[in-house]
Amino acid sequence: MFRAHRAVRTSVAAVAIAAALFTATACSEAQKAIDCVKLGQQLANDVSSLQNVINDPDAASDALQHMSKTLTNAASDIDSQDVKNAINDMIGQVDTLSRQIANKETPSPDVLGLLSSSAKAIGSACTS
């Protein structure tokens, strides 16, 4: 009888531990997805802010440096290759625009649209 109770207790404990690990993993994955979507929203807001200062080279440069730092930090925290690819695409666009501004070139008219599309692509890749 003692062994039967012990076996039941051991089984219950093992199930409880497995459930806790599953829940922790599921919660961790859900939190990563939420953080990823928040990144997409933050980048969309950053693009809107950039649009307001695009004609001020110093302010635009600062905004782009902030965006680049956000993207670089996010890339190291993301597991999904699709999201990393979308982030790398946006980093390339930010770098191109930064060079244009540093060289006193007029940015192409569609650059903000491309950045906005990239931010949306990051958000979409987070949920796929």
N, C-alpha and C. Protein backbone atom coordinates (compact mmCIF):
# COMPACT_ATOMS: atom_id res chain seq x y z
N MET A 1 0.82 -1.18 0.00
CA MET A 1 0.00 0.00 0.00
C MET A 1 0.88 1.26 0.00
N PHE A 2 1.92 1.21 0.82
CA PHE A 2 2.82 2.35 0.91
C PHE A 2 3.45 2.66 -0.44
N ARG A 3 3.85 1.61 -1.16
CA ARG A 3 4.47 1.81 -2.47
C ARG A 3 3.47 2.37 -3.47
N ALA A 4 2.23 1.99 -3.40
CA ALA A 4 1.21 2.49 -4.31
C ALA A 4 1.01 3.99 -4.11
N HIS A 5 0.93 4.43 -2.85
CA HIS A 5 0.79 5.87 -2.58
C HIS A 5 2.02 6.64 -3.04
N ARG A 6 3.17 6.02 -2.81
CA ARG A 6 4.41 6.67 -3.22
C ARG A 6 4.47 6.81 -4.74
N ALA A 7 4.04 5.79 -5.46
CA ALA A 7 4.02 5.83 -6.92
C ALA A 7 3.04 6.88 -7.41
N VAL A 8 1.91 7.00 -6.78
CA VAL A 8 0.92 8.00 -7.17
C VAL A 8 1.47 9.40 -6.91
N ARG A 9 2.07 9.58 -5.74
CA ARG A 9 2.64 10.90 -5.42
C ARG A 9 3.74 11.27 -6.41
N THR A 10 4.58 10.31 -6.74
CA THR A 10 5.66 10.55 -7.70
C THR A 10 5.09 10.90 -9.07
N SER A 11 4.06 10.18 -9.48
CA SER A 11 3.42 10.45 -10.78
C SER A 11 2.79 11.83 -10.79
N VAL A 12 2.09 12.17 -9.72
CA VAL A 12 1.45 13.49 -9.63
C VAL A 12 2.50 14.59 -9.66
N ALA A 13 3.58 14.39 -8.94
CA ALA A 13 4.66 15.38 -8.92
C ALA A 13 5.27 15.54 -10.31
N ALA A 14 5.48 14.42 -11.01
CA ALA A 14 6.06 14.49 -12.35
C ALA A 14 5.13 15.22 -13.31
N VAL A 15 3.84 14.97 -13.22
CA VAL A 15 2.87 15.65 -14.07
C VAL A 15 2.85 17.15 -13.75
N ALA A 16 2.90 17.47 -12.47
CA ALA A 16 2.90 18.89 -12.07
C ALA A 16 4.13 19.61 -12.59
N ILE A 17 5.28 18.97 -12.51
CA ILE A 17 6.51 19.58 -13.01
C ILE A 17 6.44 19.76 -14.52
N ALA A 18 5.96 18.74 -15.22
CA ALA A 18 5.83 18.83 -16.68
C ALA A 18 4.88 19.95 -17.07
N ALA A 19 3.76 20.05 -16.35
CA ALA A 19 2.79 21.11 -16.65
C ALA A 19 3.39 22.48 -16.39
N ALA A 20 4.13 22.60 -15.31
CA ALA A 20 4.77 23.89 -15.00
C ALA A 20 5.79 24.26 -16.08
N LEU A 21 6.57 23.29 -16.52
CA LEU A 21 7.55 23.58 -17.58
C LEU A 21 6.86 23.95 -18.89
N PHE A 22 5.79 23.23 -19.23
CA PHE A 22 5.04 23.54 -20.45
C PHE A 22 4.45 24.95 -20.37
N THR A 23 3.87 25.28 -19.23
CA THR A 23 3.27 26.61 -19.05
C THR A 23 4.33 27.69 -19.13
N ALA A 24 5.46 27.46 -18.49
CA ALA A 24 6.53 28.46 -18.52
C ALA A 24 7.04 28.65 -19.94
N THR A 25 7.19 27.55 -20.68
CA THR A 25 7.65 27.65 -22.06
C THR A 25 6.61 28.36 -22.91
N ALA A 26 5.34 28.00 -22.75
CA ALA A 26 4.28 28.63 -23.52
C ALA A 26 4.19 30.11 -23.20
N CYS A 27 4.31 30.45 -21.92
CA CYS A 27 4.27 31.86 -21.53
C CYS A 27 5.46 32.62 -22.09
N SER A 28 6.62 31.97 -22.08
CA SER A 28 7.82 32.59 -22.61
C SER A 28 7.66 32.87 -24.11
N GLU A 29 7.14 31.90 -24.83
CA GLU A 29 6.92 32.08 -26.27
C GLU A 29 5.89 33.16 -26.54
N ALA A 30 4.84 33.17 -25.74
CA ALA A 30 3.80 34.20 -25.90
C ALA A 30 4.39 35.58 -25.62
N GLN A 31 5.22 35.69 -24.60
CA GLN A 31 5.84 36.98 -24.28
C GLN A 31 6.77 37.43 -25.40
N LYS A 32 7.50 36.49 -25.99
CA LYS A 32 8.37 36.85 -27.11
C LYS A 32 7.55 37.37 -28.28
N ALA A 33 6.42 36.75 -28.55
CA ALA A 33 5.55 37.21 -29.64
C ALA A 33 5.02 38.60 -29.35
N ILE A 34 4.61 38.83 -28.12
CA ILE A 34 4.10 40.15 -27.73
C ILE A 34 5.20 41.20 -27.87
N ASP A 35 6.39 40.88 -27.39
CA ASP A 35 7.52 41.81 -27.49
C ASP A 35 7.85 42.11 -28.95
N CYS A 36 7.75 41.11 -29.78
CA CYS A 36 8.04 41.26 -31.20
C CYS A 36 7.02 42.20 -31.87
N VAL A 37 5.75 41.99 -31.56
CA VAL A 37 4.71 42.86 -32.12
C VAL A 37 4.90 44.29 -31.61
N LYS A 38 5.26 44.44 -30.34
CA LYS A 38 5.53 45.78 -29.79
C LYS A 38 6.69 46.44 -30.54
N LEU A 39 7.69 45.65 -30.91
CA LEU A 39 8.81 46.18 -31.69
C LEU A 39 8.31 46.74 -33.01
N GLY A 40 7.45 46.00 -33.70
CA GLY A 40 6.88 46.49 -34.96
C GLY A 40 6.13 47.79 -34.77
N GLN A 41 5.37 47.88 -33.68
CA GLN A 41 4.62 49.11 -33.40
C GLN A 41 5.57 50.26 -33.09
N GLN A 42 6.60 49.98 -32.29
CA GLN A 42 7.57 51.01 -31.95
C GLN A 42 8.26 51.53 -33.21
N LEU A 43 8.63 50.62 -34.10
CA LEU A 43 9.30 51.04 -35.33
C LEU A 43 8.36 51.85 -36.22
N ALA A 44 7.09 51.48 -36.27
CA ALA A 44 6.13 52.27 -37.03
C ALA A 44 6.03 53.68 -36.46
N ASN A 45 6.04 53.80 -35.15
CA ASN A 45 6.03 55.13 -34.52
C ASN A 45 7.31 55.89 -34.82
N ASP A 46 8.44 55.18 -34.82
CA ASP A 46 9.72 55.82 -35.13
C ASP A 46 9.74 56.35 -36.57
N VAL A 47 9.13 55.60 -37.49
CA VAL A 47 9.06 56.05 -38.88
C VAL A 47 8.20 57.31 -38.97
N SER A 48 7.10 57.34 -38.22
CA SER A 48 6.24 58.53 -38.21
C SER A 48 7.00 59.73 -37.66
N SER A 49 7.77 59.51 -36.60
CA SER A 49 8.58 60.60 -36.03
C SER A 49 9.63 61.07 -37.02
N LEU A 50 10.23 60.13 -37.72
CA LEU A 50 11.23 60.48 -38.73
C LEU A 50 10.61 61.33 -39.83
N GLN A 51 9.40 61.00 -40.20
CA GLN A 51 8.71 61.76 -41.25
C GLN A 51 8.58 63.23 -40.85
N ASN A 52 8.40 63.48 -39.56
CA ASN A 52 8.24 64.86 -39.08
C ASN A 52 9.55 65.65 -39.11
N VAL A 53 10.69 64.96 -39.13
CA VAL A 53 11.99 65.66 -39.06
C VAL A 53 12.87 65.39 -40.27
N ILE A 54 12.32 64.77 -41.30
CA ILE A 54 13.15 64.35 -42.44
C ILE A 54 13.87 65.52 -43.10
N ASN A 55 13.32 66.72 -42.99
CA ASN A 55 13.94 67.89 -43.61
C ASN A 55 14.96 68.57 -42.71
N ASP A 56 15.14 68.06 -41.51
CA ASP A 56 16.16 68.56 -40.58
C ASP A 56 17.24 67.48 -40.47
N PRO A 57 18.35 67.66 -41.18
CA PRO A 57 19.36 66.59 -41.23
C PRO A 57 19.84 66.10 -39.87
N ASP A 58 20.05 67.02 -38.92
CA ASP A 58 20.54 66.60 -37.60
C ASP A 58 19.50 65.76 -36.87
N ALA A 59 18.26 66.23 -36.87
CA ALA A 59 17.19 65.50 -36.18
C ALA A 59 16.91 64.17 -36.88
N ALA A 60 16.96 64.17 -38.21
CA ALA A 60 16.73 62.93 -38.96
C ALA A 60 17.84 61.93 -38.67
N SER A 61 19.07 62.41 -38.60
CA SER A 61 20.20 61.55 -38.30
C SER A 61 20.06 60.92 -36.90
N ASP A 62 19.65 61.75 -35.94
CA ASP A 62 19.43 61.23 -34.58
C ASP A 62 18.33 60.18 -34.56
N ALA A 63 17.24 60.44 -35.27
CA ALA A 63 16.12 59.50 -35.32
C ALA A 63 16.55 58.19 -35.97
N LEU A 64 17.35 58.28 -37.00
CA LEU A 64 17.83 57.07 -37.68
C LEU A 64 18.81 56.28 -36.82
N GLN A 65 19.66 56.98 -36.07
CA GLN A 65 20.57 56.30 -35.15
C GLN A 65 19.79 55.54 -34.09
N HIS A 66 18.73 56.18 -33.57
CA HIS A 66 17.87 55.54 -32.57
C HIS A 66 17.22 54.29 -33.17
N MET A 67 16.70 54.42 -34.38
CA MET A 67 16.04 53.31 -35.04
C MET A 67 17.03 52.17 -35.29
N SER A 68 18.23 52.51 -35.72
CA SER A 68 19.25 51.50 -35.99
C SER A 68 19.61 50.75 -34.71
N LYS A 69 19.76 51.46 -33.62
CA LYS A 69 20.09 50.84 -32.34
C LYS A 69 18.95 49.91 -31.89
N THR A 70 17.71 50.36 -32.04
CA THR A 70 16.56 49.53 -31.68
C THR A 70 16.55 48.25 -32.49
N LEU A 71 16.78 48.38 -33.79
CA LEU A 71 16.79 47.21 -34.68
C LEU A 71 17.92 46.25 -34.35
N THR A 72 19.10 46.77 -34.12
CA THR A 72 20.25 45.94 -33.81
C THR A 72 20.05 45.18 -32.50
N ASN A 73 19.54 45.88 -31.49
CA ASN A 73 19.27 45.22 -30.20
C ASN A 73 18.20 44.14 -30.37
N ALA A 74 17.17 44.44 -31.13
CA ALA A 74 16.08 43.48 -31.32
C ALA A 74 16.56 42.24 -32.06
N ALA A 75 17.43 42.43 -33.03
CA ALA A 75 17.91 41.30 -33.84
C ALA A 75 18.59 40.25 -32.98
N SER A 76 19.26 40.67 -31.93
CA SER A 76 19.96 39.71 -31.07
C SER A 76 19.00 38.96 -30.15
N ASP A 77 17.79 39.51 -29.94
CA ASP A 77 16.83 38.88 -29.03
C ASP A 77 15.78 38.03 -29.74
N ILE A 78 15.80 38.02 -31.06
CA ILE A 78 14.75 37.35 -31.84
C ILE A 78 15.24 35.96 -32.26
N ASP A 79 14.35 34.98 -32.16
CA ASP A 79 14.68 33.61 -32.58
C ASP A 79 14.24 33.33 -34.01
N SER A 80 13.16 33.94 -34.44
CA SER A 80 12.56 33.64 -35.75
C SER A 80 13.44 34.19 -36.88
N GLN A 81 13.78 33.32 -37.82
CA GLN A 81 14.59 33.74 -38.96
C GLN A 81 13.82 34.72 -39.85
N ASP A 82 12.50 34.54 -39.98
CA ASP A 82 11.70 35.47 -40.78
C ASP A 82 11.75 36.87 -40.20
N VAL A 83 11.65 36.97 -38.88
CA VAL A 83 11.71 38.28 -38.23
C VAL A 83 13.10 38.86 -38.37
N LYS A 84 14.13 38.04 -38.19
CA LYS A 84 15.51 38.53 -38.35
C LYS A 84 15.74 39.05 -39.76
N ASN A 85 15.20 38.35 -40.76
CA ASN A 85 15.34 38.81 -42.14
C ASN A 85 14.66 40.16 -42.34
N ALA A 86 13.46 40.32 -41.78
CA ALA A 86 12.73 41.59 -41.90
C ALA A 86 13.49 42.70 -41.19
N ILE A 87 14.06 42.40 -40.04
CA ILE A 87 14.86 43.39 -39.30
C ILE A 87 16.10 43.77 -40.12
N ASN A 88 16.78 42.79 -40.69
CA ASN A 88 17.98 43.08 -41.48
C ASN A 88 17.65 43.93 -42.70
N ASP A 89 16.50 43.66 -43.33
CA ASP A 89 16.07 44.49 -44.46
C ASP A 89 15.89 45.94 -44.02
N MET A 90 15.25 46.12 -42.87
CA MET A 90 15.01 47.48 -42.40
C MET A 90 16.31 48.16 -41.99
N ILE A 91 17.23 47.40 -41.40
CA ILE A 91 18.54 47.97 -41.04
C ILE A 91 19.24 48.47 -42.30
N GLY A 92 19.16 47.72 -43.38
CA GLY A 92 19.75 48.16 -44.65
C GLY A 92 19.13 49.45 -45.15
N GLN A 93 17.82 49.57 -45.05
CA GLN A 93 17.15 50.80 -45.48
C GLN A 93 17.54 51.98 -44.60
N VAL A 94 17.61 51.75 -43.29
CA VAL A 94 18.01 52.81 -42.37
C VAL A 94 19.44 53.25 -42.67
N ASP A 95 20.33 52.30 -42.91
CA ASP A 95 21.72 52.64 -43.22
C ASP A 95 21.83 53.44 -44.52
N THR A 96 21.06 53.05 -45.53
CA THR A 96 21.07 53.77 -46.80
C THR A 96 20.60 55.21 -46.61
N LEU A 97 19.50 55.37 -45.89
CA LEU A 97 18.97 56.71 -45.64
C LEU A 97 19.95 57.53 -44.81
N SER A 98 20.58 56.91 -43.84
CA SER A 98 21.57 57.62 -43.01
C SER A 98 22.72 58.14 -43.86
N ARG A 99 23.19 57.29 -44.78
CA ARG A 99 24.29 57.72 -45.68
C ARG A 99 23.83 58.88 -46.56
N GLN A 100 22.62 58.80 -47.09
CA GLN A 100 22.10 59.88 -47.94
C GLN A 100 22.05 61.19 -47.17
N ILE A 101 21.57 61.14 -45.95
CA ILE A 101 21.47 62.36 -45.14
C ILE A 101 22.86 62.88 -44.80
N ALA A 102 23.78 61.97 -44.44
CA ALA A 102 25.15 62.39 -44.11
C ALA A 102 25.84 63.02 -45.30
N ASN A 103 25.52 62.56 -46.52
CA ASN A 103 26.11 63.10 -47.74
C ASN A 103 25.32 64.27 -48.32
N LYS A 104 24.34 64.73 -47.54
CA LYS A 104 23.50 65.86 -47.94
C LYS A 104 22.75 65.61 -49.24
N GLU A 105 22.42 64.33 -49.48
CA GLU A 105 21.62 63.96 -50.64
C GLU A 105 20.15 64.06 -50.27
N THR A 106 19.33 64.29 -51.25
CA THR A 106 17.89 64.30 -51.03
C THR A 106 17.40 62.86 -51.02
N PRO A 107 16.78 62.44 -49.90
CA PRO A 107 16.28 61.06 -49.84
C PRO A 107 15.20 60.83 -50.90
N SER A 108 15.14 59.63 -51.41
CA SER A 108 14.10 59.33 -52.40
C SER A 108 12.74 59.46 -51.74
N PRO A 109 11.74 59.89 -52.51
CA PRO A 109 10.41 60.16 -51.94
C PRO A 109 9.75 58.92 -51.32
N ASP A 110 10.10 57.75 -51.81
CA ASP A 110 9.44 56.55 -51.31
C ASP A 110 10.14 55.91 -50.12
N VAL A 111 11.22 56.53 -49.63
CA VAL A 111 12.01 55.92 -48.56
C VAL A 111 11.19 55.75 -47.29
N LEU A 112 10.36 56.72 -46.93
CA LEU A 112 9.55 56.60 -45.72
C LEU A 112 8.49 55.51 -45.89
N GLY A 113 7.97 55.39 -47.08
CA GLY A 113 7.02 54.31 -47.36
C GLY A 113 7.67 52.95 -47.22
N LEU A 114 8.92 52.84 -47.71
CA LEU A 114 9.65 51.59 -47.58
C LEU A 114 9.93 51.26 -46.11
N LEU A 115 10.32 52.27 -45.34
CA LEU A 115 10.57 52.04 -43.91
C LEU A 115 9.29 51.63 -43.20
N SER A 116 8.19 52.29 -43.54
CA SER A 116 6.90 51.95 -42.93
C SER A 116 6.50 50.52 -43.29
N SER A 117 6.69 50.15 -44.54
CA SER A 117 6.39 48.77 -44.97
C SER A 117 7.28 47.77 -44.25
N SER A 118 8.53 48.13 -44.02
CA SER A 118 9.44 47.24 -43.30
C SER A 118 8.99 47.04 -41.85
N ALA A 119 8.57 48.12 -41.21
CA ALA A 119 8.07 48.01 -39.83
C ALA A 119 6.84 47.10 -39.79
N LYS A 120 5.95 47.25 -40.77
CA LYS A 120 4.76 46.38 -40.83
C LYS A 120 5.16 44.94 -41.08
N ALA A 121 6.17 44.74 -41.94
CA ALA A 121 6.65 43.38 -42.25
C ALA A 121 7.20 42.71 -40.99
N ILE A 122 7.87 43.48 -40.16
CA ILE A 122 8.40 42.93 -38.90
C ILE A 122 7.24 42.50 -38.02
N GLY A 123 6.23 43.36 -37.88
CA GLY A 123 5.06 43.02 -37.08
C GLY A 123 4.34 41.79 -37.62
N SER A 124 4.24 41.70 -38.94
CA SER A 124 3.58 40.54 -39.57
C SER A 124 4.39 39.26 -39.37
N ALA A 125 5.70 39.37 -39.49
CA ALA A 125 6.56 38.20 -39.33
C ALA A 125 6.50 37.69 -37.87
N CYS A 126 6.23 38.59 -36.95
CA CYS A 126 6.13 38.20 -35.53
C CYS A 126 4.92 37.31 -35.30
N THR A 127 3.89 37.50 -36.05
CA THR A 127 2.64 36.78 -35.81
C THR A 127 2.46 35.58 -36.73
N SER A 128 3.43 35.35 -37.62
CA SER A 128 3.29 34.21 -38.53
C SER A 128 3.94 32.96 -38.00
